[in-house]
Amino acid sequence: MVCLGNICRSPLAEGILRQKAQQNNINLFIDSAGTSNYHIGENPDNRTISNAKKHEVDISDLRARQFSVSDFDEFDTIFVMDSSNYADVIAQARNMTDKNKVEMILNRVYPNTNMSVPDPYFGGEQGFENVYILLDKACEIIIESIKQY
């Protein structure tokens, strides 16, 4: 899961997907990162932690890190939150195999639309709730697609 700072959208997506995987007894390695180095080592934004907790998702122990080329080797799929994140991650890809791992997360809900998960950082409480709703839908579809294997 990748966003800009790894303190709002991507840690929330990581927490939601991790919870859904556990609830379905699916063993997945799930992590999140940011394309920037602004918040390395920091906890998620308090508003994100609060919103997640409201939905019984605990992300308080997560720490921000920056996306790196080695993530292409560690993960089968790299979900990005918006077109800027997509461009930043694709720019680090070494080959087509790497590029083929990168996907806009909301394409799971709205195929081929390349819709962005809005960054709630500068918005109010409702922005964080809207992000939760979008990511919850996407993560549910991701889990359902894994269950089909």
Protein backbone atom coordinates (compact mmCIF):
# COMPACT_ATOMS: atom_id res chain seq x y z
CA MET A 1 0.00 0.00 0.00
CA VAL A 2 1.59 3.27 -1.10
CA CYS A 3 0.63 6.93 -0.65
CA LEU A 4 2.63 10.14 -0.35
CA GLY A 5 3.66 10.32 3.31
CA ASN A 6 2.58 6.92 4.66
CA ILE A 7 0.61 8.50 7.50
CA CYS A 8 -3.00 8.61 6.23
CA ARG A 9 -4.18 6.49 3.32
CA SER A 10 -1.62 3.69 3.00
CA PRO A 11 -1.39 2.75 6.70
CA LEU A 12 -5.19 2.68 6.83
CA ALA A 13 -5.27 0.41 3.77
CA GLU A 14 -2.62 -1.80 5.37
CA GLY A 15 -4.64 -2.06 8.59
CA ILE A 16 -7.92 -2.78 6.84
CA LEU A 17 -6.43 -5.45 4.57
CA ARG A 18 -4.54 -7.04 7.46
CA GLN A 19 -7.74 -7.25 9.51
CA LYS A 20 -9.71 -8.76 6.63
CA ALA A 21 -6.94 -11.29 5.95
CA GLN A 22 -6.94 -12.35 9.62
CA GLN A 23 -10.74 -12.63 9.69
CA ASN A 24 -10.57 -14.93 6.66
CA ASN A 25 -7.57 -16.95 7.90
CA ILE A 26 -5.49 -15.81 4.94
CA ASN A 27 -1.77 -15.47 5.52
CA LEU A 28 -0.55 -12.34 3.70
CA PHE A 29 2.50 -10.15 4.07
CA ILE A 30 1.04 -6.64 4.05
CA ASP A 31 2.96 -3.40 4.45
CA SER A 32 2.68 0.24 3.52
CA ALA A 33 5.06 2.98 2.44
CA GLY A 34 5.17 6.53 1.21
CA THR A 35 6.76 7.88 -1.93
CA SER A 36 8.23 10.77 0.07
CA ASN A 37 10.56 10.78 3.05
CA TYR A 38 8.56 13.41 4.97
CA HIS A 39 7.39 11.20 7.84
CA ILE A 40 9.85 8.28 8.07
CA GLY A 41 9.56 6.62 11.49
CA GLU A 42 6.40 8.49 12.48
CA ASN A 43 3.09 6.97 13.54
CA PRO A 44 0.08 7.42 11.29
CA ASP A 45 -1.74 10.74 11.59
CA ASN A 46 -3.79 10.84 14.81
CA ARG A 47 -6.96 11.44 12.79
CA THR A 48 -6.27 8.29 10.77
CA ILE A 49 -5.61 6.27 13.92
CA SER A 50 -8.85 7.58 15.44
CA ASN A 51 -10.88 6.83 12.32
CA ALA A 52 -9.45 3.32 12.05
CA LYS A 53 -10.12 2.65 15.74
CA LYS A 54 -13.75 3.70 15.24
CA HIS A 55 -13.95 0.78 12.79
CA GLU A 56 -12.06 -1.57 15.14
CA VAL A 57 -8.86 -1.44 13.07
CA ASP A 58 -5.71 -0.81 15.12
CA ILE A 59 -2.91 0.91 13.20
CA SER A 60 -1.35 2.71 16.17
CA ASP A 61 1.82 0.60 16.06
CA LEU A 62 2.62 1.31 12.39
CA ARG A 63 5.59 3.50 11.43
CA ALA A 64 6.05 5.38 8.17
CA ARG A 65 8.73 4.31 5.74
CA GLN A 66 9.69 5.29 2.22
CA PHE A 67 9.00 3.07 -0.78
CA SER A 68 12.16 1.55 -2.24
CA VAL A 69 13.11 -0.49 -5.29
CA SER A 70 13.47 -3.58 -3.09
CA ASP A 71 9.69 -3.47 -2.53
CA PHE A 72 9.30 -4.79 -6.07
CA ASP A 73 11.09 -7.95 -4.90
CA GLU A 74 9.16 -8.23 -1.63
CA PHE A 75 5.59 -7.86 -2.91
CA ASP A 76 3.41 -9.47 -5.57
CA THR A 77 1.17 -6.42 -5.87
CA ILE A 78 1.81 -2.78 -5.03
CA PHE A 79 -1.39 -0.82 -4.55
CA VAL A 80 -1.07 2.95 -4.92
CA MET A 81 -3.57 5.56 -3.78
CA ASP A 82 -3.39 8.12 -6.59
CA SER A 83 -1.89 8.92 -9.98
CA SER A 84 1.03 10.83 -8.48
CA ASN A 85 1.95 7.83 -6.32
CA TYR A 86 1.56 5.63 -9.38
CA ALA A 87 3.98 7.77 -11.40
CA ASP A 88 6.51 7.89 -8.54
CA VAL A 89 6.46 4.12 -8.06
CA ILE A 90 6.56 3.35 -11.79
CA ALA A 91 9.57 5.67 -12.12
CA GLN A 92 11.49 3.32 -9.80
CA ALA A 93 10.51 0.17 -11.71
CA ARG A 94 13.46 -1.69 -13.22
CA ASN A 95 11.48 -3.58 -15.85
CA MET A 96 8.01 -4.57 -17.02
CA THR A 97 7.72 -7.20 -14.29
CA ASP A 98 8.04 -4.43 -11.69
CA LYS A 99 5.62 -2.15 -13.57
CA ASN A 100 3.02 -4.91 -13.85
CA LYS A 101 2.90 -5.19 -10.05
CA VAL A 102 1.67 -1.60 -9.61
CA GLU A 103 -2.07 -0.99 -9.48
CA MET A 104 -4.34 1.88 -8.49
CA ILE A 105 -6.24 0.41 -5.53
CA LEU A 106 -9.62 1.84 -6.52
CA ASN A 107 -9.43 0.01 -9.85
CA ARG A 108 -10.52 -2.98 -7.77
CA VAL A 109 -13.80 -1.18 -7.04
CA TYR A 110 -14.11 0.90 -10.21
CA PRO A 111 -12.24 -1.06 -12.92
CA ASN A 112 -10.15 0.87 -15.44
CA THR A 113 -11.11 4.28 -14.05
CA ASN A 114 -7.80 5.07 -12.32
CA MET A 115 -9.71 6.90 -9.60
CA SER A 116 -7.65 8.31 -6.75
CA VAL A 117 -8.19 7.85 -3.05
CA PRO A 118 -8.40 11.49 -1.93
CA ASP A 119 -5.73 12.63 0.54
CA PRO A 120 -7.62 13.56 3.73
CA TYR A 121 -4.64 15.31 5.36
CA PHE A 122 -5.86 18.87 4.84
CA GLY A 123 -9.54 18.05 5.24
CA GLY A 124 -11.89 17.41 8.10
CA GLU A 125 -13.22 14.34 9.85
CA GLN A 126 -15.55 13.39 6.99
CA GLY A 127 -12.59 13.18 4.62
CA PHE A 128 -11.01 10.47 6.79
CA GLU A 129 -14.32 8.60 6.95
CA ASN A 130 -14.72 8.79 3.16
CA VAL A 131 -11.21 7.36 2.73
CA TYR A 132 -12.06 4.53 5.11
CA ILE A 133 -15.19 3.66 3.14
CA LEU A 134 -13.31 3.61 -0.18
CA LEU A 135 -10.42 1.54 1.16
CA ASP A 136 -12.72 -0.87 2.98
CA LYS A 137 -14.56 -1.62 -0.29
CA ALA A 138 -11.28 -2.09 -2.18
CA CYS A 139 -9.78 -4.34 0.49
CA GLU A 140 -12.92 -6.47 0.62
CA ILE A 141 -12.66 -7.05 -3.13
CA ILE A 142 -8.95 -7.85 -2.80
CA ILE A 143 -9.71 -10.47 -0.12
CA GLU A 144 -12.55 -11.96 -2.18
CA SER A 145 -10.22 -12.28 -5.20
CA ILE A 146 -7.61 -14.05 -3.05
CA LYS A 147 -10.24 -16.43 -1.64
CA GLN A 148 -11.04 -17.56 -5.17
CA TYR A 149 -7.58 -19.17 -5.53
